[in-house]
């Protein structure tokens, strides 16, 4: 009830559409000029926060709390809202092609991110670079299998069905 009130009155700061949109921008600028879809953004978003969950990864930005992988399960809608927000400000481009809908950094992404003077954002961008370097050559299927095989150790026992849109199988 409290979370519903906070969300309905736009009072949530942690994992808000703005925060997820900002993290998406950090990912998109790192993978530029490539574009990526929501599924990969969801996975990369988790990985840039919890890099130490991956063997050899740098220190995580967020603590390794129990059930932290639940975040992947519940973020799709909020991430989409964040992407829409960033798109409405021309901070990212939407790409429509034969593979579906994906997102790409715009000419304003880098200048916008450079406006922030924040250790957290600097580390977020470093982690985005590490994620790109370690996962960019994974196919969508390989990345999904990697995540699925690690969710239990990361604090959850769900598969990666959460990555599917409603009605998709």
N, C-alpha and C. Protein backbone atom coordinates (compact mmCIF):
# COMPACT_ATOMS: atom_id res chain seq x y z
N UNK A 1 0.82 -1.19 0.00
CA UNK A 1 0.00 0.00 0.00
C UNK A 1 0.87 1.26 0.00
N UNK A 2 1.90 1.27 0.86
CA UNK A 2 2.78 2.43 0.92
C UNK A 2 3.50 2.60 -0.40
N UNK A 3 4.05 1.50 -0.96
CA UNK A 3 4.75 1.60 -2.24
C UNK A 3 3.82 2.07 -3.34
N UNK A 4 2.58 1.60 -3.31
CA UNK A 4 1.59 2.05 -4.29
C UNK A 4 1.36 3.56 -4.17
N UNK A 5 1.23 4.05 -2.94
CA UNK A 5 1.05 5.49 -2.72
C UNK A 5 2.25 6.26 -3.26
N UNK A 6 3.45 5.78 -2.92
CA UNK A 6 4.66 6.47 -3.37
C UNK A 6 4.76 6.48 -4.88
N UNK A 7 4.47 5.34 -5.50
CA UNK A 7 4.54 5.26 -6.96
C UNK A 7 3.47 6.14 -7.60
N UNK A 8 2.24 6.07 -7.10
CA UNK A 8 1.15 6.86 -7.66
C UNK A 8 1.42 8.36 -7.55
N UNK A 9 2.17 8.76 -6.54
CA UNK A 9 2.47 10.17 -6.34
C UNK A 9 3.89 10.53 -6.79
N UNK A 10 4.50 9.62 -7.56
CA UNK A 10 5.82 9.85 -8.15
C UNK A 10 6.87 10.20 -7.09
N UNK A 11 6.84 9.47 -5.97
CA UNK A 11 7.77 9.75 -4.88
C UNK A 11 8.88 8.71 -4.75
N UNK A 12 8.89 7.71 -5.61
CA UNK A 12 9.95 6.71 -5.55
C UNK A 12 11.18 7.23 -6.26
N UNK A 13 12.32 7.17 -5.60
CA UNK A 13 13.57 7.60 -6.22
C UNK A 13 14.39 6.39 -6.64
N UNK A 14 14.47 5.39 -5.78
CA UNK A 14 15.25 4.20 -6.06
C UNK A 14 14.54 3.34 -7.10
N UNK A 15 15.23 3.02 -8.16
CA UNK A 15 14.68 2.24 -9.27
C UNK A 15 13.46 2.92 -9.91
N UNK A 16 13.47 4.22 -9.93
CA UNK A 16 12.42 4.98 -10.59
C UNK A 16 12.66 4.96 -12.09
N UNK A 17 11.68 5.36 -12.89
CA UNK A 17 11.90 5.45 -14.34
C UNK A 17 13.10 6.34 -14.68
N UNK A 18 13.28 7.44 -13.95
CA UNK A 18 14.43 8.30 -14.23
C UNK A 18 15.74 7.56 -13.98
N UNK A 19 15.83 6.88 -12.83
CA UNK A 19 17.08 6.17 -12.50
C UNK A 19 17.37 5.07 -13.52
N UNK A 20 16.37 4.27 -13.86
CA UNK A 20 16.60 3.21 -14.84
C UNK A 20 16.89 3.80 -16.22
N UNK A 21 16.25 4.91 -16.56
CA UNK A 21 16.54 5.57 -17.82
C UNK A 21 17.97 6.08 -17.86
N UNK A 22 18.44 6.63 -16.75
CA UNK A 22 19.80 7.13 -16.66
C UNK A 22 20.80 5.98 -16.80
N UNK A 23 20.52 4.87 -16.13
CA UNK A 23 21.41 3.70 -16.26
C UNK A 23 21.38 3.18 -17.68
N UNK A 24 20.22 3.20 -18.32
CA UNK A 24 20.14 2.77 -19.72
C UNK A 24 21.00 3.66 -20.60
N UNK A 25 21.01 4.96 -20.34
CA UNK A 25 21.86 5.87 -21.12
C UNK A 25 23.33 5.51 -20.95
N UNK A 26 23.73 5.17 -19.72
CA UNK A 26 25.13 4.78 -19.47
C UNK A 26 25.48 3.52 -20.26
N UNK A 27 24.53 2.60 -20.37
CA UNK A 27 24.76 1.38 -21.15
C UNK A 27 24.80 1.71 -22.64
N UNK A 28 23.83 2.49 -23.09
CA UNK A 28 23.73 2.80 -24.52
C UNK A 28 24.94 3.57 -25.04
N UNK A 29 25.48 4.48 -24.24
CA UNK A 29 26.65 5.22 -24.70
C UNK A 29 27.86 4.30 -24.76
N UNK A 30 27.89 3.31 -23.89
CA UNK A 30 29.01 2.38 -23.89
C UNK A 30 28.97 1.44 -25.09
N UNK A 31 27.79 1.01 -25.51
CA UNK A 31 27.70 0.08 -26.64
C UNK A 31 27.61 0.80 -27.99
N UNK A 32 27.52 2.14 -27.97
CA UNK A 32 27.40 2.94 -29.19
C UNK A 32 28.52 2.59 -30.16
N UNK A 33 28.27 2.45 -31.43
CA UNK A 33 27.07 2.81 -32.18
C UNK A 33 26.03 1.70 -32.29
N UNK A 34 26.23 0.61 -31.56
CA UNK A 34 25.25 -0.48 -31.61
C UNK A 34 23.97 -0.06 -30.90
N UNK A 35 22.90 -0.73 -31.25
CA UNK A 35 21.64 -0.56 -30.54
C UNK A 35 21.31 -1.88 -29.87
N UNK A 36 20.57 -1.82 -28.76
CA UNK A 36 20.20 -3.04 -28.05
C UNK A 36 18.75 -2.97 -27.62
N UNK A 37 18.17 -4.15 -27.44
CA UNK A 37 16.75 -4.22 -27.10
C UNK A 37 16.55 -4.22 -25.59
N UNK A 38 15.28 -4.21 -25.20
CA UNK A 38 14.93 -4.13 -23.78
C UNK A 38 15.44 -5.33 -23.00
N UNK A 39 15.40 -6.50 -23.58
CA UNK A 39 15.88 -7.70 -22.86
C UNK A 39 17.34 -7.55 -22.47
N UNK A 40 18.15 -7.17 -23.43
CA UNK A 40 19.58 -7.01 -23.15
C UNK A 40 19.80 -5.84 -22.19
N UNK A 41 19.04 -4.76 -22.33
CA UNK A 41 19.15 -3.65 -21.38
C UNK A 41 18.82 -4.09 -19.96
N UNK A 42 17.79 -4.92 -19.79
CA UNK A 42 17.43 -5.43 -18.46
C UNK A 42 18.59 -6.22 -17.85
N UNK A 43 19.17 -7.08 -18.65
CA UNK A 43 20.28 -7.91 -18.16
C UNK A 43 21.49 -7.04 -17.86
N UNK A 44 21.83 -6.16 -18.79
CA UNK A 44 22.98 -5.28 -18.56
C UNK A 44 22.75 -4.39 -17.34
N UNK A 45 21.52 -3.94 -17.15
CA UNK A 45 21.21 -3.11 -15.98
C UNK A 45 21.52 -3.88 -14.69
N UNK A 46 21.11 -5.12 -14.63
CA UNK A 46 21.42 -5.93 -13.45
C UNK A 46 22.94 -6.08 -13.30
N UNK A 47 23.59 -6.42 -14.40
CA UNK A 47 25.03 -6.69 -14.34
C UNK A 47 25.87 -5.47 -13.99
N UNK A 48 25.47 -4.27 -14.42
CA UNK A 48 26.29 -3.10 -14.07
C UNK A 48 26.17 -2.75 -12.59
N UNK A 49 25.07 -3.17 -11.97
CA UNK A 49 24.90 -2.94 -10.54
C UNK A 49 25.55 -4.02 -9.70
N UNK A 50 25.57 -5.25 -10.23
CA UNK A 50 26.03 -6.41 -9.47
C UNK A 50 27.18 -7.11 -10.21
N UNK A 51 28.19 -6.35 -10.60
CA UNK A 51 29.31 -6.89 -11.37
C UNK A 51 30.06 -7.99 -10.62
N UNK A 52 30.11 -7.91 -9.30
CA UNK A 52 30.85 -8.94 -8.56
C UNK A 52 30.11 -10.28 -8.53
N UNK A 53 28.87 -10.32 -9.01
CA UNK A 53 28.17 -11.59 -9.14
C UNK A 53 28.81 -12.45 -10.22
N UNK A 54 29.53 -11.82 -11.13
CA UNK A 54 30.19 -12.54 -12.22
C UNK A 54 31.64 -12.77 -11.80
N UNK A 55 32.12 -14.00 -11.96
CA UNK A 55 33.51 -14.31 -11.61
C UNK A 55 34.46 -13.33 -12.29
N UNK A 56 35.33 -12.72 -11.50
CA UNK A 56 36.31 -11.79 -12.03
C UNK A 56 35.79 -10.38 -12.23
N UNK A 57 34.53 -10.14 -11.86
CA UNK A 57 33.94 -8.82 -12.05
C UNK A 57 34.44 -7.82 -11.02
N UNK A 58 34.39 -6.54 -11.36
CA UNK A 58 34.78 -5.49 -10.40
C UNK A 58 33.77 -5.42 -9.25
N UNK A 59 34.07 -4.64 -8.23
CA UNK A 59 33.13 -4.52 -7.11
C UNK A 59 31.75 -4.02 -7.58
N UNK A 60 30.73 -4.59 -6.99
CA UNK A 60 29.36 -4.20 -7.31
C UNK A 60 29.05 -2.83 -6.75
N UNK A 61 28.15 -2.12 -7.41
CA UNK A 61 27.69 -0.81 -6.92
C UNK A 61 26.62 -0.96 -5.86
N UNK A 62 25.85 -2.03 -5.94
CA UNK A 62 24.78 -2.28 -4.96
C UNK A 62 25.13 -3.53 -4.16
N UNK A 63 24.65 -3.63 -2.93
CA UNK A 63 25.01 -4.76 -2.09
C UNK A 63 24.42 -6.08 -2.60
N UNK A 64 25.07 -7.15 -2.22
CA UNK A 64 24.62 -8.49 -2.59
C UNK A 64 23.58 -8.97 -1.59
N UNK A 65 22.41 -8.39 -1.66
CA UNK A 65 21.33 -8.75 -0.75
C UNK A 65 20.64 -10.02 -1.25
N UNK A 66 20.01 -10.77 -0.33
CA UNK A 66 19.24 -11.94 -0.77
C UNK A 66 18.14 -11.50 -1.74
N UNK A 67 17.86 -12.32 -2.69
CA UNK A 67 16.78 -12.08 -3.66
C UNK A 67 17.02 -10.85 -4.54
N UNK A 68 18.27 -10.44 -4.68
CA UNK A 68 18.55 -9.25 -5.49
C UNK A 68 18.20 -9.45 -6.94
N UNK A 69 18.23 -10.69 -7.40
CA UNK A 69 17.89 -10.93 -8.81
C UNK A 69 16.40 -10.72 -9.07
N UNK A 70 15.60 -10.57 -8.00
CA UNK A 70 14.19 -10.20 -8.18
C UNK A 70 14.07 -8.90 -8.97
N UNK A 71 15.08 -8.05 -8.84
CA UNK A 71 15.07 -6.78 -9.55
C UNK A 71 14.89 -6.96 -11.04
N UNK A 72 15.48 -8.01 -11.58
CA UNK A 72 15.33 -8.27 -13.01
C UNK A 72 13.86 -8.56 -13.32
N UNK A 73 13.20 -9.23 -12.40
CA UNK A 73 11.81 -9.63 -12.63
C UNK A 73 10.85 -8.46 -12.69
N UNK A 74 11.12 -7.43 -11.93
CA UNK A 74 10.13 -6.36 -11.78
C UNK A 74 10.48 -5.08 -12.53
N UNK A 75 11.62 -5.04 -13.17
CA UNK A 75 12.08 -3.78 -13.76
C UNK A 75 11.64 -3.52 -15.19
N UNK A 76 11.13 -4.47 -15.88
CA UNK A 76 10.84 -4.27 -17.30
C UNK A 76 9.92 -3.07 -17.55
N UNK A 77 8.83 -2.99 -16.82
CA UNK A 77 7.88 -1.89 -17.02
C UNK A 77 8.51 -0.55 -16.64
N UNK A 78 9.24 -0.52 -15.53
CA UNK A 78 9.87 0.72 -15.10
C UNK A 78 10.97 1.12 -16.08
N UNK A 79 11.72 0.14 -16.57
CA UNK A 79 12.74 0.44 -17.57
C UNK A 79 12.10 1.03 -18.82
N UNK A 80 10.99 0.45 -19.26
CA UNK A 80 10.30 0.97 -20.44
C UNK A 80 9.85 2.41 -20.21
N UNK A 81 9.36 2.70 -19.01
CA UNK A 81 8.97 4.07 -18.68
C UNK A 81 10.19 4.99 -18.72
N UNK A 82 11.32 4.51 -18.22
CA UNK A 82 12.55 5.29 -18.24
C UNK A 82 13.04 5.53 -19.65
N UNK A 83 12.94 4.53 -20.50
CA UNK A 83 13.34 4.69 -21.91
C UNK A 83 12.43 5.71 -22.60
N UNK A 84 11.14 5.62 -22.31
CA UNK A 84 10.20 6.59 -22.89
C UNK A 84 10.52 8.01 -22.43
N UNK A 85 10.86 8.16 -21.15
CA UNK A 85 11.23 9.47 -20.61
C UNK A 85 12.47 10.01 -21.32
N UNK A 86 13.49 9.18 -21.44
CA UNK A 86 14.73 9.63 -22.09
C UNK A 86 14.50 9.93 -23.57
N UNK A 87 13.66 9.14 -24.22
CA UNK A 87 13.33 9.38 -25.62
C UNK A 87 12.60 10.72 -25.78
N UNK A 88 11.71 11.02 -24.82
CA UNK A 88 10.94 12.27 -24.90
C UNK A 88 11.84 13.50 -24.80
N UNK A 89 13.04 13.32 -24.28
CA UNK A 89 14.01 14.42 -24.15
C UNK A 89 15.11 14.30 -25.20
N UNK A 90 14.93 13.42 -26.19
CA UNK A 90 15.90 13.19 -27.28
C UNK A 90 17.25 12.68 -26.77
N UNK A 91 17.24 11.99 -25.62
CA UNK A 91 18.48 11.49 -25.05
C UNK A 91 18.84 10.09 -25.55
N UNK A 92 17.94 9.48 -26.30
CA UNK A 92 18.21 8.21 -26.95
C UNK A 92 17.36 8.14 -28.20
N UNK A 93 17.74 7.24 -29.09
CA UNK A 93 16.98 7.02 -30.32
C UNK A 93 16.35 5.64 -30.26
N UNK A 94 15.18 5.52 -30.84
CA UNK A 94 14.49 4.24 -30.97
C UNK A 94 14.72 3.74 -32.38
N UNK A 95 15.11 2.47 -32.49
CA UNK A 95 15.39 1.87 -33.79
C UNK A 95 14.35 0.79 -34.05
N UNK A 96 13.68 0.92 -35.19
CA UNK A 96 12.69 -0.08 -35.62
C UNK A 96 13.28 -0.78 -36.84
N UNK A 97 13.45 -2.10 -36.73
CA UNK A 97 13.95 -2.84 -37.89
C UNK A 97 13.35 -4.24 -37.88
N UNK A 98 13.87 -5.12 -38.74
CA UNK A 98 13.28 -6.46 -38.87
C UNK A 98 13.50 -7.33 -37.64
N UNK A 99 14.35 -6.90 -36.68
CA UNK A 99 14.53 -7.66 -35.45
C UNK A 99 13.62 -7.16 -34.33
N UNK A 100 12.96 -6.04 -34.55
CA UNK A 100 12.06 -5.49 -33.54
C UNK A 100 12.46 -4.08 -33.16
N UNK A 101 12.20 -3.75 -31.91
CA UNK A 101 12.49 -2.41 -31.39
C UNK A 101 13.74 -2.48 -30.52
N UNK A 102 14.64 -1.54 -30.77
CA UNK A 102 15.84 -1.45 -29.94
C UNK A 102 16.17 0.02 -29.71
N UNK A 103 17.19 0.26 -28.93
CA UNK A 103 17.53 1.62 -28.51
C UNK A 103 19.00 1.88 -28.75
N UNK A 104 19.29 3.16 -29.00
CA UNK A 104 20.64 3.57 -29.34
C UNK A 104 20.89 4.95 -28.74
N UNK A 105 22.13 5.20 -28.35
CA UNK A 105 22.48 6.52 -27.84
C UNK A 105 22.25 7.56 -28.93
N UNK A 106 21.81 8.74 -28.54
CA UNK A 106 21.62 9.84 -29.48
C UNK A 106 22.82 10.79 -29.40
N UNK A 107 22.79 11.82 -30.19
CA UNK A 107 23.88 12.80 -30.15
C UNK A 107 23.88 13.58 -28.83
N UNK A 108 22.80 13.52 -28.07
CA UNK A 108 22.73 14.23 -26.79
C UNK A 108 23.10 13.36 -25.58
N UNK A 109 23.21 12.05 -25.78
CA UNK A 109 23.45 11.15 -24.65
C UNK A 109 24.73 11.48 -23.91
N UNK A 110 25.83 11.52 -24.62
CA UNK A 110 27.13 11.78 -23.98
C UNK A 110 27.18 13.16 -23.32
N UNK A 111 26.78 14.24 -24.01
CA UNK A 111 26.80 15.55 -23.33
C UNK A 111 25.91 15.59 -22.08
N UNK A 112 24.77 14.91 -22.13
CA UNK A 112 23.89 14.86 -20.96
C UNK A 112 24.58 14.15 -19.80
N UNK A 113 25.14 12.98 -20.06
CA UNK A 113 25.80 12.23 -18.99
C UNK A 113 27.00 12.99 -18.44
N UNK A 114 27.68 13.74 -19.30
CA UNK A 114 28.84 14.52 -18.84
C UNK A 114 28.45 15.66 -17.90
N UNK A 115 27.17 16.03 -17.87
CA UNK A 115 26.72 17.07 -16.96
C UNK A 115 26.76 16.63 -15.50
N UNK A 116 26.69 15.32 -15.29
CA UNK A 116 26.66 14.79 -13.93
C UNK A 116 28.07 14.71 -13.37
N UNK A 117 28.26 15.25 -12.21
CA UNK A 117 29.54 15.14 -11.50
C UNK A 117 29.27 14.24 -10.30
N UNK A 118 29.36 12.94 -10.53
CA UNK A 118 28.95 11.97 -9.52
C UNK A 118 29.87 10.76 -9.55
N UNK A 119 30.40 10.41 -8.41
CA UNK A 119 31.24 9.21 -8.31
C UNK A 119 30.42 7.99 -8.69
N UNK A 120 29.17 7.96 -8.24
CA UNK A 120 28.29 6.82 -8.55
C UNK A 120 28.14 6.66 -10.06
N UNK A 121 27.84 7.73 -10.77
CA UNK A 121 27.67 7.63 -12.22
C UNK A 121 28.98 7.27 -12.91
N UNK A 122 30.09 7.78 -12.41
CA UNK A 122 31.40 7.40 -12.97
C UNK A 122 31.63 5.90 -12.83
N UNK A 123 31.32 5.37 -11.66
CA UNK A 123 31.49 3.93 -11.44
C UNK A 123 30.49 3.13 -12.27
N UNK A 124 29.29 3.65 -12.40
CA UNK A 124 28.27 3.00 -13.23
C UNK A 124 28.77 2.88 -14.66
N UNK A 125 29.35 3.94 -15.16
CA UNK A 125 29.87 3.94 -16.53
C UNK A 125 31.07 3.00 -16.67
N UNK A 126 31.91 2.92 -15.65
CA UNK A 126 33.02 1.95 -15.66
C UNK A 126 32.47 0.53 -15.71
N UNK A 127 31.45 0.27 -14.90
CA UNK A 127 30.85 -1.06 -14.89
C UNK A 127 30.16 -1.37 -16.22
N UNK A 128 29.55 -0.37 -16.83
CA UNK A 128 28.93 -0.57 -18.16
C UNK A 128 30.00 -0.95 -19.17
N UNK A 129 31.15 -0.33 -19.08
CA UNK A 129 32.27 -0.67 -19.98
C UNK A 129 32.69 -2.13 -19.76
N UNK A 130 32.81 -2.52 -18.48
CA UNK A 130 33.20 -3.89 -18.16
C UNK A 130 32.16 -4.89 -18.68
N UNK A 131 30.87 -4.57 -18.50
CA UNK A 131 29.81 -5.46 -18.99
C UNK A 131 29.89 -5.58 -20.51
N UNK A 132 30.06 -4.46 -21.20
CA UNK A 132 30.17 -4.51 -22.66
C UNK A 132 31.34 -5.39 -23.07
N UNK A 133 32.48 -5.17 -22.46
CA UNK A 133 33.68 -5.93 -22.85
C UNK A 133 33.51 -7.43 -22.61
N UNK A 134 32.73 -7.80 -21.61
CA UNK A 134 32.59 -9.20 -21.26
C UNK A 134 31.36 -9.89 -21.86
N UNK A 135 30.37 -9.13 -22.33
CA UNK A 135 29.13 -9.76 -22.77
C UNK A 135 28.67 -9.35 -24.16
N UNK A 136 29.32 -8.42 -24.82
CA UNK A 136 28.84 -7.95 -26.11
C UNK A 136 28.82 -9.03 -27.19
N UNK A 137 29.67 -10.03 -27.07
CA UNK A 137 29.72 -11.07 -28.10
C UNK A 137 28.82 -12.26 -27.78
N UNK A 138 28.12 -12.21 -26.64
CA UNK A 138 27.14 -13.25 -26.33
C UNK A 138 25.92 -13.01 -27.22
N UNK A 139 25.43 -14.06 -27.84
CA UNK A 139 24.15 -13.93 -28.55
C UNK A 139 23.07 -13.75 -27.51
N UNK A 140 21.88 -13.36 -27.94
CA UNK A 140 20.77 -13.23 -26.99
C UNK A 140 20.51 -14.55 -26.28
N UNK A 141 20.58 -15.65 -27.01
CA UNK A 141 20.35 -16.97 -26.43
C UNK A 141 21.44 -17.30 -25.40
N UNK A 142 22.69 -17.06 -25.74
CA UNK A 142 23.80 -17.33 -24.81
C UNK A 142 23.69 -16.47 -23.56
N UNK A 143 23.34 -15.21 -23.73
CA UNK A 143 23.19 -14.32 -22.59
C UNK A 143 22.05 -14.78 -21.70
N UNK A 144 20.93 -15.17 -22.30
CA UNK A 144 19.79 -15.69 -21.53
C UNK A 144 20.17 -16.94 -20.75
N UNK A 145 20.91 -17.83 -21.37
CA UNK A 145 21.34 -19.07 -20.69
C UNK A 145 22.30 -18.75 -19.55
N UNK A 146 23.19 -17.80 -19.78
CA UNK A 146 24.13 -17.40 -18.72
C UNK A 146 23.36 -16.87 -17.51
N UNK A 147 22.42 -15.98 -17.75
CA UNK A 147 21.63 -15.41 -16.64
C UNK A 147 20.83 -16.50 -15.96
N UNK A 148 20.16 -17.34 -16.75
CA UNK A 148 19.33 -18.40 -16.19
C UNK A 148 20.15 -19.33 -15.31
N UNK A 149 21.37 -19.64 -15.73
CA UNK A 149 22.19 -20.58 -14.96
C UNK A 149 22.73 -19.97 -13.67
N UNK A 150 22.66 -18.65 -13.51
CA UNK A 150 23.20 -18.00 -12.33
C UNK A 150 22.15 -17.40 -11.40
N UNK A 151 20.89 -17.36 -11.79
CA UNK A 151 19.88 -16.69 -10.96
C UNK A 151 19.77 -17.28 -9.57
N UNK A 152 19.90 -18.59 -9.44
CA UNK A 152 19.77 -19.20 -8.12
C UNK A 152 20.89 -18.73 -7.21
N UNK A 153 22.12 -18.76 -7.72
CA UNK A 153 23.24 -18.32 -6.88
C UNK A 153 23.16 -16.82 -6.59
N UNK A 154 22.50 -16.06 -7.45
CA UNK A 154 22.34 -14.62 -7.25
C UNK A 154 21.14 -14.31 -6.37
N UNK A 155 20.49 -15.34 -5.85
CA UNK A 155 19.45 -15.09 -4.87
C UNK A 155 18.03 -15.28 -5.37
N UNK A 156 17.84 -16.05 -6.42
CA UNK A 156 16.48 -16.25 -6.90
C UNK A 156 16.39 -17.61 -7.57
N UNK A 157 15.19 -18.19 -7.59
CA UNK A 157 15.05 -19.45 -8.28
C UNK A 157 14.00 -19.40 -9.37
N UNK A 158 14.00 -18.32 -10.12
CA UNK A 158 13.13 -18.19 -11.28
C UNK A 158 13.98 -18.35 -12.53
N UNK A 159 13.34 -18.74 -13.62
CA UNK A 159 14.00 -18.73 -14.91
C UNK A 159 13.95 -17.33 -15.46
N UNK A 160 14.35 -17.15 -16.69
CA UNK A 160 14.38 -15.81 -17.26
C UNK A 160 13.15 -15.55 -18.10
N UNK A 161 12.01 -16.18 -17.78
CA UNK A 161 10.76 -15.91 -18.48
C UNK A 161 10.34 -14.46 -18.33
N UNK A 162 10.82 -13.79 -17.27
CA UNK A 162 10.49 -12.39 -17.05
C UNK A 162 10.93 -11.52 -18.21
N UNK A 163 11.86 -12.01 -19.00
CA UNK A 163 12.35 -11.21 -20.11
C UNK A 163 11.38 -11.20 -21.28
N UNK A 164 10.43 -12.11 -21.24
CA UNK A 164 9.44 -12.15 -22.32
C UNK A 164 8.35 -11.13 -22.07
N UNK A 165 7.89 -10.54 -23.13
CA UNK A 165 6.77 -9.64 -22.99
C UNK A 165 5.52 -10.47 -22.75
N UNK A 166 4.49 -9.83 -22.21
CA UNK A 166 3.25 -10.55 -21.97
C UNK A 166 2.76 -11.19 -23.26
N UNK A 167 2.37 -12.46 -23.18
CA UNK A 167 1.84 -13.17 -24.33
C UNK A 167 2.92 -13.73 -25.25
N UNK A 168 4.17 -13.44 -24.98
CA UNK A 168 5.28 -13.92 -25.81
C UNK A 168 5.76 -15.25 -25.27
N UNK A 169 6.08 -16.19 -26.10
CA UNK A 169 6.60 -17.49 -25.65
C UNK A 169 7.66 -18.00 -26.57
